[in-house]
């Protein structure tokens, strides 16, 4: 019989939550066959079996949180029997019935009675804890991870902000000409990638020695899923042959995966910068928090008709406000202003 241990799923993944088992005790599993699904701080993924045989015992149930290296199952020959030395639980029949009535798992209770005996007060204390948990709108793993990242960002990264107004008429025209097959996000991502090539510090992260610049331009796209914020990553935007259509294909695949909770760890890793677009919600402008260890984040507001003065005349144009947040340790004000001006020019000349 061999123990199945939770594998390492990435350098930033400390523990995972088991979402579901594809097999049950007694089932046969092949080497390389999906065994169970887990949820990390950023995504869900399938874990394959590294051994062939029958599942003798599932040691970690659906909903359990386990760390890398923890034993989650045992696989062996068909007739093998799992044996474990269960600790003796000291409890009277009456108190056991009380625990069953309230749905209390006595295996996790430390008895405070004589010799470790579980008494009524122990059970009722456990009931109080259960009721308190029911009253709390518990954060999901992704929400907890987001909260930790935002605290780290605001307490360790010196943010500086820049805003600019962009005439979105050319973007609207390009979208119409595509039959609305090309989204504003695809255009923004394409323009961001071109500007990051021109201003490579935006592809860097801070280190004590200096800027670590990435050769790849991977940009995260903030996507809402209920109360959760997911940031899948559009990859290889530095490629010369990257088109709006190819970017749109990536966006659609990733957004679908977000909705189905089927993102892989690779889908949410490797970003150097993030795009957050709240235009669809009618938001005029906002400032966004940098996702560590990225260089910055672009917050995009809604496209709205505004009266604009130009050359002594006042005309109505479709305007959009962009707000750039950058890590001031690696990007200074003039550099950020140049980047934002280049982005404005690129978007207005599509």
Protein backbone atom coordinates (compact mmCIF):
# COMPACT_ATOMS: atom_id res chain seq x y z
CA UNK A 1 0.00 0.00 0.00
CA UNK A 2 1.34 3.45 -0.94
CA UNK A 3 0.40 6.82 0.49
CA UNK A 4 -0.73 9.52 -1.95
CA UNK A 5 0.67 12.85 -0.79
CA UNK A 6 -0.36 16.32 -1.87
CA UNK A 7 2.25 17.43 -4.43
CA UNK A 8 3.92 20.83 -4.65
CA UNK A 9 1.65 22.99 -6.84
CA UNK A 10 3.81 26.09 -7.09
CA UNK A 11 6.30 28.13 -5.13
CA UNK A 12 3.58 30.44 -3.79
CA UNK A 13 1.06 27.73 -2.86
CA UNK A 14 1.27 26.76 0.83
CA UNK A 15 -1.95 24.80 1.14
CA UNK A 16 -4.96 23.85 -0.95
CA UNK A 17 -8.60 22.92 -0.45
CA UNK A 18 -9.89 19.65 -1.85
CA UNK A 19 -12.96 20.42 -3.94
CA UNK A 20 -13.94 16.96 -5.16
CA UNK A 21 -12.73 13.39 -5.60
CA UNK A 22 -13.14 11.78 -9.02
CA UNK A 23 -12.84 8.34 -7.43
CA UNK A 24 -14.22 6.71 -4.30
CA UNK A 25 -12.82 4.06 -1.97
CA UNK A 26 -12.62 0.73 -3.75
CA UNK A 27 -12.27 2.25 -7.23
CA UNK A 28 -9.34 1.41 -9.50
CA UNK A 29 -7.16 4.29 -10.69
CA UNK A 30 -4.51 4.34 -13.41
CA UNK A 31 -1.20 6.17 -13.24
CA UNK A 32 -1.71 9.68 -14.68
CA UNK A 33 -5.50 9.54 -14.28
CA UNK A 34 -7.16 12.56 -12.58
CA UNK A 35 -7.70 11.63 -8.94
CA UNK A 36 -9.09 14.75 -7.27
CA UNK A 37 -9.56 18.49 -7.80
CA UNK A 38 -8.14 21.21 -5.57
CA UNK A 39 -8.53 24.96 -5.18
CA UNK A 40 -5.49 27.14 -4.57
CA UNK A 41 -5.45 30.82 -3.70
CA UNK A 42 -5.81 31.66 -7.40
CA UNK A 43 -7.27 28.74 -9.32
CA UNK A 44 -8.63 25.22 -9.30
CA UNK A 45 -6.81 22.30 -10.88
CA UNK A 46 -6.85 18.52 -11.20
CA UNK A 47 -4.26 16.35 -9.46
CA UNK A 48 -3.29 13.11 -11.19
CA UNK A 49 -2.42 9.82 -9.55
CA UNK A 50 1.27 8.92 -9.65
CA UNK A 51 0.56 5.27 -8.82
CA UNK A 52 -1.78 2.58 -10.17
CA UNK A 53 -4.05 0.47 -7.98
CA UNK A 54 -7.19 0.44 -5.87
CA UNK A 55 -8.13 3.28 -3.53
CA UNK A 56 -8.01 1.66 -0.11
CA UNK A 57 -8.59 4.78 1.96
CA UNK A 58 -9.38 8.47 1.31
CA UNK A 59 -7.73 10.34 4.16
CA UNK A 60 -8.68 13.91 3.19
CA UNK A 61 -12.33 14.62 2.50
CA UNK A 62 -13.91 17.14 0.15
CA UNK A 63 -13.69 20.55 1.81
CA UNK A 64 -10.53 19.70 3.79
CA UNK A 65 -7.53 22.03 3.60
CA UNK A 66 -4.20 20.25 3.25
CA UNK A 67 -0.58 21.28 2.84
CA UNK A 68 1.99 19.97 0.37
CA UNK A 69 3.30 16.60 1.59
CA UNK A 70 0.17 15.73 3.57
CA UNK A 71 -1.24 12.24 2.98
CA UNK A 72 -4.60 12.40 1.23
CA UNK A 73 -5.20 8.75 0.23
CA UNK A 74 -3.79 5.24 0.19
CA UNK A 75 -3.61 3.07 -2.94
CA UNK A 76 -2.81 -0.63 -3.01
CA UNK A 77 -3.97 -4.08 -4.03
CA UNK A 78 -7.69 -4.86 -4.21
CA UNK A 79 -7.84 -6.94 -1.03
CA UNK A 80 -5.63 -4.72 1.14
CA UNK A 81 -7.17 -3.22 4.28
CA UNK A 82 -6.27 0.16 5.75
CA UNK A 83 -5.44 -0.05 9.42
CA UNK A 84 -4.93 2.91 11.75
CA UNK A 85 -4.56 3.12 15.52
CA UNK A 86 -7.55 5.21 16.50
CA UNK A 87 -7.18 7.11 19.74
CA UNK A 88 -9.60 6.20 22.51
CA UNK A 89 -12.39 8.75 22.90
CA UNK A 90 -13.69 8.93 26.46
CA UNK A 91 -17.35 9.88 26.41
CA UNK A 92 -20.53 8.62 28.03
CA UNK A 93 -23.45 7.32 25.90
CA UNK A 94 -25.61 10.27 26.98
CA UNK A 95 -23.00 12.88 25.99
CA UNK A 96 -22.36 11.04 22.71
CA UNK A 97 -26.08 11.34 21.88
CA UNK A 98 -25.93 15.05 22.76
CA UNK A 99 -23.05 15.47 20.31
CA UNK A 100 -24.92 13.61 17.58
CA UNK A 101 -28.01 15.76 18.16
CA UNK A 102 -26.05 18.93 17.54
CA UNK A 103 -23.88 17.54 14.73
CA UNK A 104 -20.64 17.82 16.71
CA UNK A 105 -17.63 15.73 15.60
CA UNK A 106 -16.23 14.40 18.89
CA UNK A 107 -12.95 13.23 17.33
CA UNK A 108 -11.65 16.78 17.39
CA UNK A 109 -12.70 17.60 20.95
CA UNK A 110 -10.31 17.54 23.88
CA UNK A 111 -12.20 16.42 26.96
CA UNK A 112 -11.91 18.55 30.08
CA UNK A 113 -13.38 15.97 32.42
CA UNK A 114 -11.47 13.47 34.57
CA UNK A 115 -8.85 11.59 32.52
CA UNK A 116 -9.80 13.50 29.35
CA UNK A 117 -13.49 12.58 29.54
CA UNK A 118 -15.67 14.62 27.17
CA UNK A 119 -18.40 16.31 29.21
CA UNK A 120 -21.52 18.34 28.37
CA UNK A 121 -19.69 21.68 28.59
CA UNK A 122 -17.21 20.50 25.96
CA UNK A 123 -20.03 19.66 23.55
CA UNK A 124 -21.93 22.91 24.14
CA UNK A 125 -18.70 24.86 23.66
CA UNK A 126 -18.28 23.19 20.29
CA UNK A 127 -21.91 24.03 19.45
CA UNK A 128 -21.24 27.71 20.22
CA UNK A 129 -18.26 27.70 17.84
CA UNK A 130 -20.37 26.12 15.10
CA UNK A 131 -23.09 28.75 15.55
CA UNK A 132 -20.53 31.58 15.46
CA UNK A 133 -19.14 30.26 12.18
CA UNK A 134 -22.65 30.12 10.71
CA UNK A 135 -23.17 33.79 11.59
CA UNK A 136 -19.99 34.87 9.76
CA UNK A 137 -19.96 35.47 6.00
CA UNK A 138 -16.77 33.48 5.58
CA UNK A 139 -14.21 34.58 3.00
CA UNK A 140 -13.37 32.11 0.25
CA UNK A 141 -9.74 31.09 -0.26
CA UNK A 142 -9.51 33.49 -3.20
CA UNK A 143 -10.97 36.36 -1.16
CA UNK A 144 -8.49 35.67 1.65
CA UNK A 145 -5.60 35.62 -0.82
CA UNK A 146 -6.80 38.86 -2.42
CA UNK A 147 -7.05 40.53 0.99
CA UNK A 148 -3.51 39.45 1.92
CA UNK A 149 -2.13 40.66 -1.41
CA UNK A 150 -3.84 44.05 -1.10
CA UNK A 151 -2.51 44.59 2.43
CA UNK A 152 0.99 43.66 1.24
CA UNK A 153 0.63 46.01 -1.71
CA UNK A 154 -0.52 49.07 0.23
CA UNK A 155 1.96 48.57 3.07
CA UNK A 156 5.08 47.75 1.05
CA UNK A 157 4.65 49.40 -2.36
CA UNK A 158 4.81 53.22 -2.62
CA UNK A 159 1.94 53.91 -5.03
CA UNK A 160 1.86 56.99 -7.25
CA UNK A 161 -1.08 57.80 -9.53
CA UNK A 162 -1.50 59.48 -12.93
CA UNK A 163 -4.71 60.20 -14.88
CA UNK A 164 -5.34 61.17 -18.50
CA UNK A 165 -8.36 61.67 -20.75
CA UNK A 166 -8.48 59.67 -24.00
CA UNK A 167 -10.65 60.28 -27.06
CA UNK A 168 -12.16 56.82 -27.54
CA UNK A 169 -13.69 57.55 -30.96
CA UNK A 170 -11.11 55.47 -32.84
CA UNK A 171 -11.65 52.55 -30.48
CA UNK A 172 -15.42 52.72 -30.98
CA UNK A 173 -14.98 52.77 -34.76
CA UNK A 174 -12.64 49.77 -34.73
CA UNK A 175 -15.06 47.81 -32.55
CA UNK A 176 -17.95 48.58 -34.91
CA UNK A 177 -15.92 47.60 -37.98
CA UNK A 178 -15.13 44.24 -36.34
CA UNK A 179 -18.84 43.56 -35.87
CA UNK A 180 -18.18 43.92 -32.13
CA UNK A 181 -15.99 40.81 -32.29
CA UNK A 182 -13.07 42.77 -30.84
CA UNK A 183 -13.55 44.05 -27.29
CA UNK A 184 -12.20 47.26 -25.78
CA UNK A 185 -10.12 45.07 -23.47
CA UNK A 186 -8.36 43.47 -26.44
CA UNK A 187 -7.50 46.93 -27.80
CA UNK A 188 -6.31 48.14 -24.40
CA UNK A 189 -4.15 45.04 -23.88
CA UNK A 190 -2.61 45.39 -27.35
CA UNK A 191 -1.80 49.07 -26.77
CA UNK A 192 -0.44 48.38 -23.28
CA UNK A 193 1.89 45.72 -24.67
CA UNK A 194 3.22 48.10 -27.34
CA UNK A 195 3.86 50.79 -24.72
CA UNK A 196 5.53 48.33 -22.33
CA UNK A 197 7.93 47.43 -25.16
CA UNK A 198 8.71 51.13 -25.46
CA UNK A 199 8.96 51.58 -21.67
CA UNK A 200 10.48 48.28 -20.43
CA UNK A 201 10.53 49.27 -16.74
CA UNK A 202 6.82 48.44 -16.83
CA UNK A 203 7.84 44.80 -17.37
CA UNK A 204 9.99 44.84 -14.23
CA UNK A 205 9.63 44.02 -10.56
CA UNK A 206 11.43 45.56 -7.61
CA UNK A 207 14.41 43.82 -5.98
CA UNK A 208 16.93 45.14 -3.45
CA UNK A 209 19.58 45.08 -6.19
CA UNK A 210 17.50 46.80 -8.85
CA UNK A 211 14.82 46.19 -11.48
CA UNK A 212 14.31 42.60 -12.64
CA UNK A 213 12.96 43.04 -16.18
CA UNK A 214 10.92 40.24 -17.76
CA UNK A 215 11.50 39.39 -21.44
CA UNK A 216 7.83 38.41 -21.66
CA UNK A 217 4.91 40.83 -21.62
CA UNK A 218 2.12 39.05 -19.77
CA UNK A 219 -0.75 41.23 -18.58
CA UNK A 220 -3.37 40.31 -16.00
CA UNK A 221 -7.03 41.12 -16.66
CA UNK A 222 -9.17 41.70 -13.56
CA UNK A 223 -12.39 39.65 -13.78
CA UNK A 224 -15.20 39.54 -11.22
CA UNK A 225 -16.80 36.23 -10.26
CA UNK A 226 -19.50 36.96 -7.71
CA UNK A 227 -17.74 38.49 -4.71
CA UNK A 228 -14.35 37.21 -5.86
CA UNK A 229 -11.74 39.04 -7.93
CA UNK A 230 -9.84 36.76 -10.32
CA UNK A 231 -6.92 37.95 -12.45
CA UNK A 232 -6.18 35.56 -15.33
CA UNK A 233 -3.14 36.43 -17.42
CA UNK A 234 -2.99 37.17 -21.15
CA UNK A 235 0.33 35.67 -22.26
CA UNK A 236 3.08 36.55 -24.74
CA UNK A 237 1.83 39.97 -25.79
CA UNK A 238 5.41 40.77 -26.79
CA UNK A 239 5.03 38.50 -29.85
CA UNK A 240 5.29 40.34 -33.18
CA UNK A 241 2.38 38.39 -34.69
CA UNK A 242 -0.02 38.98 -31.80
CA UNK A 243 -3.30 40.31 -33.26
CA UNK A 244 -6.50 41.64 -31.75
CA UNK A 245 -8.13 38.34 -32.71
CA UNK A 246 -5.49 36.27 -30.92
CA UNK A 247 -5.77 38.45 -27.83
CA UNK A 248 -9.57 38.18 -27.93
CA UNK A 249 -9.33 34.39 -28.17
CA UNK A 250 -7.20 34.34 -25.00
CA UNK A 251 -9.62 36.67 -23.22
CA UNK A 252 -12.66 34.56 -24.08
CA UNK A 253 -10.98 31.30 -23.06
CA UNK A 254 -9.87 32.72 -19.73
CA UNK A 255 -13.18 34.43 -18.93
CA UNK A 256 -14.99 31.14 -19.65
CA UNK A 257 -12.53 29.31 -17.39
CA UNK A 258 -13.12 31.88 -14.63
CA UNK A 259 -16.87 31.28 -14.79
CA UNK A 260 -16.42 27.51 -14.74
CA UNK A 261 -13.76 27.70 -12.00
CA UNK A 262 -11.36 25.84 -14.31
CA UNK A 263 -8.30 28.10 -14.38
CA UNK A 264 -4.93 26.39 -14.16
CA UNK A 265 -2.06 27.72 -12.07
CA UNK A 266 -0.35 28.80 -15.30
CA UNK A 267 -3.45 30.82 -16.26
CA UNK A 268 -2.98 33.11 -13.24
CA UNK A 269 0.81 33.34 -13.10
CA UNK A 270 3.53 35.46 -14.66
CA UNK A 271 1.88 38.88 -15.07
CA UNK A 272 4.07 42.00 -15.12
CA UNK A 273 1.14 44.45 -15.16
CA UNK A 274 -2.66 44.38 -14.74
CA UNK A 275 -5.62 45.94 -16.55
CA UNK A 276 -8.80 46.69 -14.56
CA UNK A 277 -11.72 47.94 -16.66
CA UNK A 278 -14.91 49.05 -14.89
CA UNK A 279 -16.30 50.88 -17.91
CA UNK A 280 -19.16 48.40 -18.24
CA UNK A 281 -20.36 49.50 -14.78
CA UNK A 282 -20.55 53.16 -15.77
CA UNK A 283 -17.70 54.18 -13.46
CA UNK A 284 -16.10 57.47 -14.57
CA UNK A 285 -12.70 56.85 -12.97
CA UNK A 286 -11.04 55.05 -10.07
CA UNK A 287 -7.62 54.23 -8.66
CA UNK A 288 -6.56 50.60 -8.45
CA UNK A 289 -4.17 48.77 -6.11
CA UNK A 290 -1.07 47.15 -7.62
CA UNK A 291 -0.96 43.37 -7.57
CA UNK A 292 2.47 42.44 -6.10
CA UNK A 293 5.11 42.02 -7.47
CA UNK A 294 3.89 43.75 -10.64
CA UNK A 295 5.03 47.22 -11.72
CA UNK A 296 1.61 48.79 -11.98
CA UNK A 297 -2.06 48.61 -12.87
CA UNK A 298 -4.26 50.60 -15.28
CA UNK A 299 -7.78 51.53 -14.15
CA UNK A 300 -10.19 52.22 -17.04
CA UNK A 301 -13.43 54.17 -16.73
CA UNK A 302 -16.52 54.27 -18.94
CA UNK A 303 -16.63 55.84 -22.39
CA UNK A 304 -18.95 58.84 -22.12
CA UNK A 305 -19.84 61.76 -24.35
CA UNK A 306 -18.31 65.01 -23.09
CA UNK A 307 -18.00 68.57 -24.33
CA UNK A 308 -14.35 69.12 -25.24
CA UNK A 309 -12.72 72.45 -26.07
CA UNK A 310 -10.25 72.29 -28.99
CA UNK A 311 -8.84 75.08 -31.15
CA UNK A 312 -11.35 77.56 -29.83
CA UNK A 313 -14.30 75.30 -30.63
CA UNK A 314 -16.34 73.07 -28.35
CA UNK A 315 -17.23 69.63 -29.68
CA UNK A 316 -18.81 66.52 -28.18
CA UNK A 317 -16.46 63.54 -28.08
CA UNK A 318 -16.50 60.03 -26.63
CA UNK A 319 -14.02 60.32 -23.78
CA UNK A 320 -12.52 57.73 -21.46
CA UNK A 321 -10.41 58.33 -18.36
CA UNK A 322 -7.36 56.18 -17.62
CA UNK A 323 -5.73 56.13 -14.19
CA UNK A 324 -2.30 54.56 -13.85
CA UNK A 325 -0.94 53.27 -10.52
CA UNK A 326 2.80 52.49 -10.46
CA UNK A 327 5.43 51.26 -8.03
CA UNK A 328 7.41 54.46 -7.39
CA UNK A 329 10.51 52.43 -6.44
CA UNK A 330 11.02 51.34 -10.05
CA UNK A 331 9.08 53.94 -12.06
CA UNK A 332 9.44 57.69 -11.59
CA UNK A 333 6.90 60.35 -12.46
CA UNK A 334 8.34 61.45 -15.80
CA UNK A 335 8.69 57.84 -17.00
CA UNK A 336 5.10 57.04 -16.01
CA UNK A 337 3.82 60.24 -17.65
CA UNK A 338 5.64 59.35 -20.87
CA UNK A 339 4.12 55.87 -20.81
CA UNK A 340 0.60 57.21 -20.29
CA UNK A 341 1.01 59.81 -23.04
CA UNK A 342 2.21 57.10 -25.44
CA UNK A 343 -0.78 54.94 -24.49
CA UNK A 344 -3.17 57.83 -25.15
CA UNK A 345 -1.62 58.44 -28.59
CA UNK A 346 -1.77 54.75 -29.49
CA UNK A 347 -5.44 54.41 -28.51
CA UNK A 348 -6.47 57.56 -30.34
CA UNK A 349 -4.72 56.52 -33.60
CA UNK A 350 -6.11 53.01 -34.01
